[in-house]
């Protein structure tokens, strides 16, 4: 694609996320052939809360996918140099960056408050007479179109009205296309459409207003906080998902094996997860991340741009979190398998000489699926929060990669200032809170539908 002035960049995390989307799409497509599973998922989506939370989660996933389409721009040819070779910028850009209309390229000198026209901190300046003064510096990318600072709030109202009109127009197109396809459905799609309208209007407003003001201010390095908060979505979604998917095969395989075969297999599995649980998780994760960071530092030739180094550390953190967090799910599956293996139909299958693989595939695994699904969603939320904790103590995501944890880490010392710099923490908290809340509410609905011990599960049976 060099003729278009861009060079595609495929990071390891990009490849994993697109493989994940393909696998999950195929998995859920095949689940349509199971009437019982289809009925249980129908129970989840038959409620307004289920449609609302699922829509919010899909918006976050969509933003993560857009932020996973990376490329490098072609640099202009040097003057006076006769060559056909194309050189590309070391900065890696994503499709999301394009859709955000350069929000991440509007840098200020240092902190600025939300919608401010001047810097948050005083600096040495020269007045009109050339004298040295110390005052608040005017921002370079905020309010430059204003004739007077007093016009800021009327101007904000005017720009907000324009952005709202564009947002409603985009929402009408988006919802109209779905309505023509989904009208007459038994599911409450109107709840999803209402959320889509709100999110579309908010995002259009945020991007449009950010052309003229910093909606959530800027951080110490002068970067727009709203831009950083949005860029943290990809990190949160991928880390929660990939870490959980690394953990699931280990926990399911060991838990089912221990509960079904018992004997020495059960003893070995119990020894493994008891030993792992006895090691402080934070110390184990920190040591593993630091060891991998040493490997990256000793092998710089493996990475052509800085983004690839950050991505390698991110992938390592996903695998480390997955490899160190499977013990709890393993215990649950082991206990459930022990109970199921003693039921009459399983004992009858043994008496008739049915193979172990067939019993595991037909009788054991289908009856622990509800535990796997519930744990997947719950662990997703806990791992998103774990990333914030790890970044807070300095062993999480690389500082060059957008992360809510890095934002919280950078804001921890600023809350004690007078006045406090609160907007960096607020931006990270808002976007993280919405994702974790939606995931937890959705997991409650999945548990009610798939857990045979819940009242909803019994009513379906």
Protein backbone atom coordinates (compact mmCIF):
# COMPACT_ATOMS: atom_id res chain seq x y z
CA UNK A 1 0.00 0.00 0.00
CA UNK A 2 3.01 2.27 -0.47
CA UNK A 3 1.30 4.00 -3.39
CA UNK A 4 -1.26 5.36 -0.89
CA UNK A 5 1.45 6.87 1.30
CA UNK A 6 1.04 4.38 4.15
CA UNK A 7 2.72 1.18 5.26
CA UNK A 8 0.54 -1.29 7.21
CA UNK A 9 1.92 -2.38 10.57
CA UNK A 10 0.74 -5.66 12.10
CA UNK A 11 1.60 -5.92 15.78
CA UNK A 12 1.35 -9.22 17.63
CA UNK A 13 -1.56 -7.89 19.64
CA UNK A 14 -3.32 -6.85 16.41
CA UNK A 15 -3.00 -10.36 15.00
CA UNK A 16 -4.27 -11.89 18.24
CA UNK A 17 -7.28 -9.62 18.50
CA UNK A 18 -8.40 -10.30 14.93
CA UNK A 19 -7.89 -14.05 15.39
CA UNK A 20 -9.93 -13.76 18.56
CA UNK A 21 -12.79 -12.03 16.75
CA UNK A 22 -12.82 -14.70 14.04
CA UNK A 23 -12.79 -17.56 16.55
CA UNK A 24 -15.53 -16.06 18.74
CA UNK A 25 -17.69 -15.25 15.72
CA UNK A 26 -17.35 -18.83 14.49
CA UNK A 27 -18.05 -20.20 17.97
CA UNK A 28 -21.25 -18.22 18.48
CA UNK A 29 -22.38 -18.95 14.92
CA UNK A 30 -22.16 -22.68 15.57
CA UNK A 31 -23.95 -22.32 18.90
CA UNK A 32 -27.10 -21.47 16.95
CA UNK A 33 -27.48 -25.18 16.23
CA UNK A 34 -27.92 -25.93 19.95
CA UNK A 35 -31.52 -25.06 20.89
CA UNK A 36 -30.83 -25.09 24.64
CA UNK A 37 -27.88 -22.71 24.33
CA UNK A 38 -29.84 -20.49 21.97
CA UNK A 39 -32.69 -20.35 24.45
CA UNK A 40 -30.39 -19.36 27.31
CA UNK A 41 -28.71 -16.60 25.31
CA UNK A 42 -32.17 -15.47 24.28
CA UNK A 43 -32.98 -15.08 27.96
CA UNK A 44 -29.94 -12.81 28.37
CA UNK A 45 -30.89 -10.56 25.46
CA UNK A 46 -34.62 -10.54 26.15
CA UNK A 47 -34.09 -7.99 28.94
CA UNK A 48 -33.41 -4.31 28.38
CA UNK A 49 -30.41 -4.47 30.72
CA UNK A 50 -28.90 -7.28 28.65
CA UNK A 51 -29.21 -5.27 25.42
CA UNK A 52 -27.84 -2.11 27.04
CA UNK A 53 -24.79 -3.74 28.61
CA UNK A 54 -24.03 -5.81 25.51
CA UNK A 55 -24.19 -2.67 23.36
CA UNK A 56 -21.77 -0.84 25.66
CA UNK A 57 -19.34 -3.78 25.59
CA UNK A 58 -19.54 -3.99 21.78
CA UNK A 59 -18.80 -0.25 21.50
CA UNK A 60 -15.64 -0.75 23.56
CA UNK A 61 -14.69 -3.78 21.43
CA UNK A 62 -15.32 -1.79 18.25
CA UNK A 63 -13.07 1.04 19.43
CA UNK A 64 -10.38 -1.52 20.33
CA UNK A 65 -10.60 -3.01 16.82
CA UNK A 66 -10.31 0.41 15.16
CA UNK A 67 -7.29 1.13 17.34
CA UNK A 68 -5.74 -2.18 16.22
CA UNK A 69 -5.54 -1.18 12.53
CA UNK A 70 -2.05 0.33 12.49
CA UNK A 71 0.04 1.91 9.78
CA UNK A 72 2.97 4.27 9.25
CA UNK A 73 2.74 7.36 7.08
CA UNK A 74 5.18 8.00 4.23
CA UNK A 75 7.59 10.87 4.81
CA UNK A 76 7.99 13.58 2.16
CA UNK A 77 10.96 13.17 -0.20
CA UNK A 78 14.02 15.20 0.85
CA UNK A 79 14.65 18.14 -1.39
CA UNK A 80 17.54 17.75 -3.80
CA UNK A 81 17.70 13.97 -3.39
CA UNK A 82 16.94 11.92 -6.48
CA UNK A 83 15.58 8.63 -5.17
CA UNK A 84 12.47 6.53 -5.55
CA UNK A 85 12.80 4.93 -2.15
CA UNK A 86 9.99 5.73 0.24
CA UNK A 87 10.77 6.42 3.89
CA UNK A 88 8.13 6.01 6.56
CA UNK A 89 7.54 7.77 9.85
CA UNK A 90 8.56 5.90 13.01
CA UNK A 91 5.28 6.94 14.62
CA UNK A 92 2.64 4.21 14.36
CA UNK A 93 -0.87 5.56 13.68
CA UNK A 94 -4.20 3.76 13.90
CA UNK A 95 -7.54 4.20 12.15
CA UNK A 96 -8.95 5.43 15.45
CA UNK A 97 -6.41 8.27 15.46
CA UNK A 98 -7.74 9.36 12.07
CA UNK A 99 -11.35 9.22 13.30
CA UNK A 100 -10.40 11.31 16.35
CA UNK A 101 -9.38 14.08 13.95
CA UNK A 102 -5.89 14.66 15.28
CA UNK A 103 -6.93 14.91 18.93
CA UNK A 104 -3.66 13.34 19.99
CA UNK A 105 -1.53 15.80 17.99
CA UNK A 106 -2.63 18.96 19.83
CA UNK A 107 0.03 19.28 22.50
CA UNK A 108 0.33 22.03 25.08
CA UNK A 109 3.29 22.92 27.26
CA UNK A 110 1.98 21.30 30.45
CA UNK A 111 -1.21 20.94 32.51
CA UNK A 112 -4.38 22.74 31.53
CA UNK A 113 -7.82 22.38 33.11
CA UNK A 114 -10.90 21.17 31.18
CA UNK A 115 -12.14 23.81 28.70
CA UNK A 116 -9.40 26.19 29.91
CA UNK A 117 -7.87 28.88 27.72
CA UNK A 118 -4.70 29.27 29.79
CA UNK A 119 -2.13 26.90 31.21
CA UNK A 120 -2.69 25.54 34.72
CA UNK A 121 0.79 26.55 35.86
CA UNK A 122 2.55 29.88 35.65
CA UNK A 123 5.61 30.28 33.47
CA UNK A 124 8.14 32.99 32.69
CA UNK A 125 6.85 35.26 29.94
CA UNK A 126 7.48 38.65 28.41
CA UNK A 127 4.81 41.34 28.36
CA UNK A 128 4.18 43.79 25.53
CA UNK A 129 6.99 46.03 26.79
CA UNK A 130 9.46 43.13 26.84
CA UNK A 131 9.61 42.84 30.62
CA UNK A 132 9.95 39.45 32.30
CA UNK A 133 6.71 38.46 34.05
CA UNK A 134 5.41 35.25 35.55
CA UNK A 135 1.88 34.50 34.47
CA UNK A 136 -0.44 31.85 33.03
CA UNK A 137 0.42 31.18 29.40
CA UNK A 138 -2.27 31.12 26.72
CA UNK A 139 -2.88 27.65 25.28
CA UNK A 140 -1.85 26.97 21.71
CA UNK A 141 -4.79 24.72 20.73
CA UNK A 142 -7.67 26.04 22.81
CA UNK A 143 -9.85 29.06 22.14
CA UNK A 144 -7.68 30.49 19.37
CA UNK A 145 -10.78 31.30 17.33
CA UNK A 146 -12.31 33.47 20.07
CA UNK A 147 -12.32 37.23 19.77
CA UNK A 148 -12.47 37.55 23.55
CA UNK A 149 -12.13 35.08 26.48
CA UNK A 150 -15.60 36.15 27.61
CA UNK A 151 -17.04 34.48 24.50
CA UNK A 152 -15.96 31.00 25.65
CA UNK A 153 -19.21 29.72 27.16
CA UNK A 154 -21.54 31.08 24.44
CA UNK A 155 -19.15 29.59 21.91
CA UNK A 156 -19.26 26.24 23.70
CA UNK A 157 -23.05 26.26 23.57
CA UNK A 158 -22.98 27.07 19.86
CA UNK A 159 -20.44 24.35 19.06
CA UNK A 160 -22.31 21.84 21.22
CA UNK A 161 -25.55 22.53 19.33
CA UNK A 162 -23.76 21.95 16.01
CA UNK A 163 -22.13 18.74 17.31
CA UNK A 164 -25.46 17.50 18.66
CA UNK A 165 -27.09 18.04 15.27
CA UNK A 166 -24.35 16.05 13.54
CA UNK A 167 -24.56 13.36 16.21
CA UNK A 168 -28.32 12.99 15.78
CA UNK A 169 -27.89 12.77 12.02
CA UNK A 170 -25.25 10.03 12.36
CA UNK A 171 -27.45 8.23 14.89
CA UNK A 172 -30.44 8.37 12.54
CA UNK A 173 -28.40 6.73 9.79
CA UNK A 174 -26.99 4.09 12.14
CA UNK A 175 -30.26 3.21 13.87
CA UNK A 176 -32.27 3.47 10.64
CA UNK A 177 -30.12 0.84 8.95
CA UNK A 178 -30.65 -1.52 11.89
CA UNK A 179 -34.36 -0.80 12.21
CA UNK A 180 -35.04 -1.86 8.63
CA UNK A 181 -33.28 -5.16 9.33
CA UNK A 182 -34.35 -5.91 12.91
CA UNK A 183 -37.93 -4.62 13.10
CA UNK A 184 -40.30 -7.27 14.33
CA UNK A 185 -37.59 -8.92 16.46
CA UNK A 186 -38.62 -10.38 19.82
CA UNK A 187 -35.65 -8.70 21.52
CA UNK A 188 -35.84 -5.14 22.96
CA UNK A 189 -33.60 -3.52 20.35
CA UNK A 190 -35.00 -0.11 21.22
CA UNK A 191 -32.90 -0.19 24.41
CA UNK A 192 -29.77 -0.85 22.36
CA UNK A 193 -30.70 1.90 19.90
CA UNK A 194 -31.14 4.41 22.71
CA UNK A 195 -27.63 3.62 23.98
CA UNK A 196 -26.22 3.84 20.45
CA UNK A 197 -27.76 7.28 20.01
CA UNK A 198 -26.29 8.50 23.31
CA UNK A 199 -22.82 7.13 22.57
CA UNK A 200 -22.81 8.41 18.99
CA UNK A 201 -23.86 11.90 20.05
CA UNK A 202 -21.30 11.93 22.85
CA UNK A 203 -18.43 10.80 20.60
CA UNK A 204 -19.33 13.26 17.84
CA UNK A 205 -19.57 16.04 20.43
CA UNK A 206 -16.23 15.06 22.00
CA UNK A 207 -14.35 14.96 18.68
CA UNK A 208 -15.93 18.17 17.41
CA UNK A 209 -15.40 20.19 20.59
CA UNK A 210 -11.81 18.90 20.85
CA UNK A 211 -10.99 20.84 17.71
CA UNK A 212 -11.39 24.03 19.73
CA UNK A 213 -10.93 23.07 23.41
CA UNK A 214 -9.39 20.37 25.57
CA UNK A 215 -12.55 18.78 26.98
CA UNK A 216 -10.74 16.96 29.81
CA UNK A 217 -7.71 19.22 29.89
CA UNK A 218 -4.12 18.10 29.36
CA UNK A 219 -1.62 16.17 31.46
CA UNK A 220 1.88 17.10 32.58
CA UNK A 221 3.29 16.43 29.11
CA UNK A 222 0.58 18.50 27.44
CA UNK A 223 -1.29 15.55 25.90
CA UNK A 224 -5.07 15.72 25.67
CA UNK A 225 -6.55 13.66 28.54
CA UNK A 226 -9.70 12.73 26.59
CA UNK A 227 -7.49 11.27 23.85
CA UNK A 228 -5.49 9.27 26.39
CA UNK A 229 -8.69 7.94 27.97
CA UNK A 230 -10.00 6.71 24.63
CA UNK A 231 -6.65 5.15 23.70
CA UNK A 232 -6.75 3.22 26.97
CA UNK A 233 -9.84 1.33 25.77
CA UNK A 234 -7.80 -0.97 23.49
CA UNK A 235 -5.39 -1.83 26.28
CA UNK A 236 -8.17 -2.56 28.78
CA UNK A 237 -10.27 -4.67 26.39
CA UNK A 238 -7.37 -6.69 24.98
CA UNK A 239 -5.67 -7.30 28.30
CA UNK A 240 -8.87 -8.47 29.96
CA UNK A 241 -9.81 -10.71 27.02
CA UNK A 242 -6.44 -12.20 26.09
CA UNK A 243 -5.44 -12.87 29.70
CA UNK A 244 -8.73 -14.64 30.35
CA UNK A 245 -8.37 -16.75 27.20
CA UNK A 246 -4.86 -17.78 28.26
CA UNK A 247 -6.18 -18.80 31.65
CA UNK A 248 -9.25 -20.76 30.51
CA UNK A 249 -7.60 -23.74 28.72
CA UNK A 250 -5.25 -24.32 31.66
CA UNK A 251 -7.97 -24.10 34.29
CA UNK A 252 -10.50 -26.20 32.36
CA UNK A 253 -8.04 -28.94 31.39
CA UNK A 254 -6.53 -29.33 34.85
CA UNK A 255 -9.83 -28.89 36.72
CA UNK A 256 -11.74 -31.46 34.65
CA UNK A 257 -8.82 -33.92 34.74
CA UNK A 258 -8.49 -33.65 38.53
CA UNK A 259 -12.22 -34.04 39.16
CA UNK A 260 -12.77 -36.88 36.69
CA UNK A 261 -9.69 -39.10 36.97
CA UNK A 262 -9.04 -38.43 40.68
CA UNK A 263 -6.14 -40.36 42.24
CA UNK A 264 -2.62 -39.17 41.48
CA UNK A 265 -3.90 -36.76 38.78
CA UNK A 266 -5.98 -34.97 41.39
CA UNK A 267 -3.02 -34.89 43.79
CA UNK A 268 -0.72 -33.34 41.18
CA UNK A 269 -3.25 -30.68 40.15
CA UNK A 270 -4.00 -29.78 43.77
CA UNK A 271 -0.27 -29.48 44.45
CA UNK A 272 0.13 -27.16 41.45
CA UNK A 273 -2.64 -24.72 42.27
CA UNK A 274 -1.89 -24.80 46.00
CA UNK A 275 1.74 -23.94 45.31
CA UNK A 276 0.76 -21.19 42.87
CA UNK A 277 -1.76 -19.73 45.34
CA UNK A 278 0.89 -19.61 48.07
CA UNK A 279 3.07 -17.23 46.02
CA UNK A 280 2.07 -13.54 46.28
CA UNK A 281 0.53 -12.80 42.90
CA UNK A 282 1.82 -9.24 42.58
CA UNK A 283 5.41 -10.31 43.29
CA UNK A 284 5.23 -13.17 40.79
CA UNK A 285 3.79 -10.95 38.06
CA UNK A 286 6.26 -8.14 38.77
CA UNK A 287 9.25 -10.50 38.65
CA UNK A 288 8.06 -12.05 35.37
CA UNK A 289 7.45 -8.66 33.73
CA UNK A 290 10.85 -7.35 34.81
CA UNK A 291 12.59 -10.46 33.45
CA UNK A 292 10.89 -10.01 30.10
CA UNK A 293 11.80 -6.32 30.10
CA UNK A 294 15.46 -7.33 30.51
CA UNK A 295 15.09 -9.61 27.47
CA UNK A 296 13.64 -6.71 25.44
CA UNK A 297 16.45 -4.39 26.49
CA UNK A 298 19.11 -6.95 25.54
CA UNK A 299 17.60 -7.63 22.11
CA UNK A 300 16.71 -4.23 20.59
CA UNK A 301 17.32 -5.49 17.03
CA UNK A 302 14.13 -7.58 17.19
CA UNK A 303 11.97 -4.43 17.14
CA UNK A 304 12.01 -1.92 14.29
CA UNK A 305 9.94 0.78 16.04
CA UNK A 306 9.31 1.67 19.66
CA UNK A 307 5.67 0.62 19.42
CA UNK A 308 6.75 -2.97 18.83
CA UNK A 309 8.69 -2.99 22.10
CA UNK A 310 5.67 -1.72 23.99
CA UNK A 311 3.47 -4.28 22.25
CA UNK A 312 5.84 -7.14 23.15
CA UNK A 313 5.71 -6.13 26.81
CA UNK A 314 1.91 -5.91 26.59
CA UNK A 315 1.61 -9.43 25.13
CA UNK A 316 3.97 -10.75 27.81
CA UNK A 317 1.84 -9.17 30.52
CA UNK A 318 -1.30 -10.79 29.09
CA UNK A 319 0.31 -14.24 29.17
CA UNK A 320 1.78 -13.70 32.62
CA UNK A 321 -1.60 -12.63 34.05
CA UNK A 322 -3.25 -15.64 32.41
CA UNK A 323 -0.64 -18.10 33.67
CA UNK A 324 -0.88 -16.82 37.24
CA UNK A 325 -4.66 -16.51 37.65
CA UNK A 326 -6.08 -19.93 36.74
CA UNK A 327 -6.10 -21.53 40.20
CA UNK A 328 -9.50 -20.21 41.37
CA UNK A 329 -11.35 -21.38 38.26
CA UNK A 330 -9.51 -24.71 38.41
CA UNK A 331 -10.82 -25.28 41.94
CA UNK A 332 -14.40 -24.51 40.89
CA UNK A 333 -14.30 -26.81 37.85
CA UNK A 334 -12.64 -29.60 39.85
CA UNK A 335 -15.38 -29.46 42.50
CA UNK A 336 -18.16 -29.39 39.89
CA UNK A 337 -16.59 -32.28 37.96
CA UNK A 338 -16.30 -34.35 41.14
CA UNK A 339 -20.05 -33.89 41.70
CA UNK A 340 -21.07 -34.58 38.10
CA UNK A 341 -18.87 -37.70 37.83
CA UNK A 342 -20.90 -39.33 40.62
CA UNK A 343 -24.28 -38.81 38.96
CA UNK A 344 -26.25 -41.82 37.74
CA UNK A 345 -26.01 -41.23 34.00
CA UNK A 346 -22.23 -40.85 34.18
CA UNK A 347 -21.91 -44.07 36.19
CA UNK A 348 -24.18 -45.80 33.69
CA UNK A 349 -21.95 -44.63 30.84
CA UNK A 350 -18.96 -46.17 32.63
CA UNK A 351 -20.86 -49.44 33.09
CA UNK A 352 -21.65 -49.62 29.36
CA UNK A 353 -17.99 -49.13 28.49
CA UNK A 354 -18.24 -45.61 27.04
CA UNK A 355 -14.78 -44.09 26.51
CA UNK A 356 -13.42 -41.39 28.79
CA UNK A 357 -13.17 -38.89 25.95
CA UNK A 358 -16.82 -39.36 25.04
CA UNK A 359 -17.98 -39.03 28.65
CA UNK A 360 -15.92 -35.86 29.07
CA UNK A 361 -17.21 -34.37 25.83
CA UNK A 362 -20.89 -35.34 26.22
CA UNK A 363 -21.53 -35.28 29.96
CA UNK A 364 -18.82 -33.37 31.85
CA UNK A 365 -17.85 -30.34 29.77
CA UNK A 366 -21.42 -29.27 28.81
CA UNK A 367 -22.30 -29.18 32.51
CA UNK A 368 -19.41 -26.88 33.46
CA UNK A 369 -19.92 -24.43 30.59
CA UNK A 370 -21.93 -22.10 32.82
CA UNK A 371 -18.99 -21.81 35.22
CA UNK A 372 -16.62 -21.04 32.33
CA UNK A 373 -18.90 -18.37 30.87
CA UNK A 374 -19.53 -16.67 34.21
CA UNK A 375 -15.84 -16.75 35.14
CA UNK A 376 -14.85 -15.39 31.73
CA UNK A 377 -16.91 -12.23 32.17
CA UNK A 378 -16.06 -11.76 35.86
CA UNK A 379 -12.33 -12.30 35.34
CA UNK A 380 -12.41 -9.89 32.41
CA UNK A 381 -13.48 -7.13 34.79
CA UNK A 382 -10.95 -8.07 37.47
CA UNK A 383 -8.08 -8.18 34.95
CA UNK A 384 -8.98 -4.73 33.62
CA UNK A 385 -8.68 -3.46 37.19
CA UNK A 386 -5.50 -5.50 37.75
CA UNK A 387 -3.81 -3.66 34.89
CA UNK A 388 -4.48 -0.36 36.65
CA UNK A 389 -2.96 -1.70 39.87
CA UNK A 390 0.15 -3.08 38.11
CA UNK A 391 0.72 0.15 36.21
CA UNK A 392 0.27 2.04 39.48
CA UNK A 393 3.23 0.18 41.00
CA UNK A 394 5.29 0.54 37.82
CA UNK A 395 5.27 -3.02 36.36
CA UNK A 396 2.29 -2.77 34.02
CA UNK A 397 1.89 -1.45 30.49
CA UNK A 398 4.77 0.39 28.84
CA UNK A 399 4.41 4.15 29.45
CA UNK A 400 4.37 4.79 25.69
CA UNK A 401 1.15 2.78 25.30
CA UNK A 402 -2.22 4.28 26.20
CA UNK A 403 -3.42 2.82 29.48
CA UNK A 404 -5.82 3.79 32.24
CA UNK A 405 -3.34 2.40 34.75
CA UNK A 406 -0.59 4.67 33.44
CA UNK A 407 -2.95 7.64 33.69
CA UNK A 408 -3.81 6.79 37.30
CA UNK A 409 -0.12 6.28 38.07
CA UNK A 410 0.70 9.69 36.62
CA UNK A 411 -2.11 11.37 38.56
CA UNK A 412 -1.41 9.90 42.00
CA UNK A 413 1.00 12.65 43.06
CA UNK A 414 -1.09 15.45 41.57
CA UNK A 415 -4.14 15.04 43.82
CA UNK A 416 -2.18 16.47 46.77
CA UNK A 417 -1.50 19.73 44.93
CA UNK A 418 -3.36 22.89 45.76
CA UNK A 419 -5.38 23.23 43.64
CA UNK A 420 -5.51 19.53 42.72
CA UNK A 421 -5.06 18.20 39.19
CA UNK A 422 -8.13 15.96 39.18
CA UNK A 423 -9.05 15.59 35.51
CA UNK A 424 -6.46 12.92 34.57
CA UNK A 425 -7.80 10.55 37.20
CA UNK A 426 -11.38 11.46 36.28
CA UNK A 427 -10.89 10.60 32.60
CA UNK A 428 -9.39 7.18 33.36
CA UNK A 429 -11.98 6.45 36.05
CA UNK A 430 -14.96 7.34 33.84
CA UNK A 431 -14.04 5.10 30.90
CA UNK A 432 -12.88 2.24 33.14
CA UNK A 433 -15.98 2.47 35.32
CA UNK A 434 -18.36 2.24 32.35
CA UNK A 435 -16.61 -0.85 30.94
CA UNK A 436 -16.31 -2.70 34.25
CA UNK A 437 -19.90 -1.88 35.26
CA UNK A 438 -21.29 -3.09 31.92
CA UNK A 439 -19.22 -6.29 32.10
CA UNK A 440 -20.32 -7.04 35.68
CA UNK A 441 -24.01 -6.45 34.95
CA UNK A 442 -23.79 -8.58 31.83
CA UNK A 443 -22.08 -11.36 33.80
CA UNK A 444 -24.98 -11.36 36.29
CA UNK A 445 -27.42 -11.96 33.45
CA UNK A 446 -25.22 -14.72 32.00
CA UNK A 447 -25.03 -16.38 35.41
CA UNK A 448 -28.81 -16.27 35.85
CA UNK A 449 -29.34 -17.81 32.41
CA UNK A 450 -26.63 -20.50 32.44
CA UNK A 451 -26.24 -21.46 36.08
CA UNK A 452 -28.64 -24.38 36.71
CA UNK A 453 -28.65 -23.58 40.44
CA UNK A 454 -30.08 -20.09 39.94
CA UNK A 455 -33.80 -19.48 39.97
CA UNK A 456 -33.77 -18.41 36.35
CA UNK A 457 -31.88 -21.50 35.34
CA UNK A 458 -34.38 -23.73 37.16
CA UNK A 459 -37.32 -21.97 35.55
CA UNK A 460 -35.81 -22.58 32.13
CA UNK A 461 -35.31 -26.26 32.98
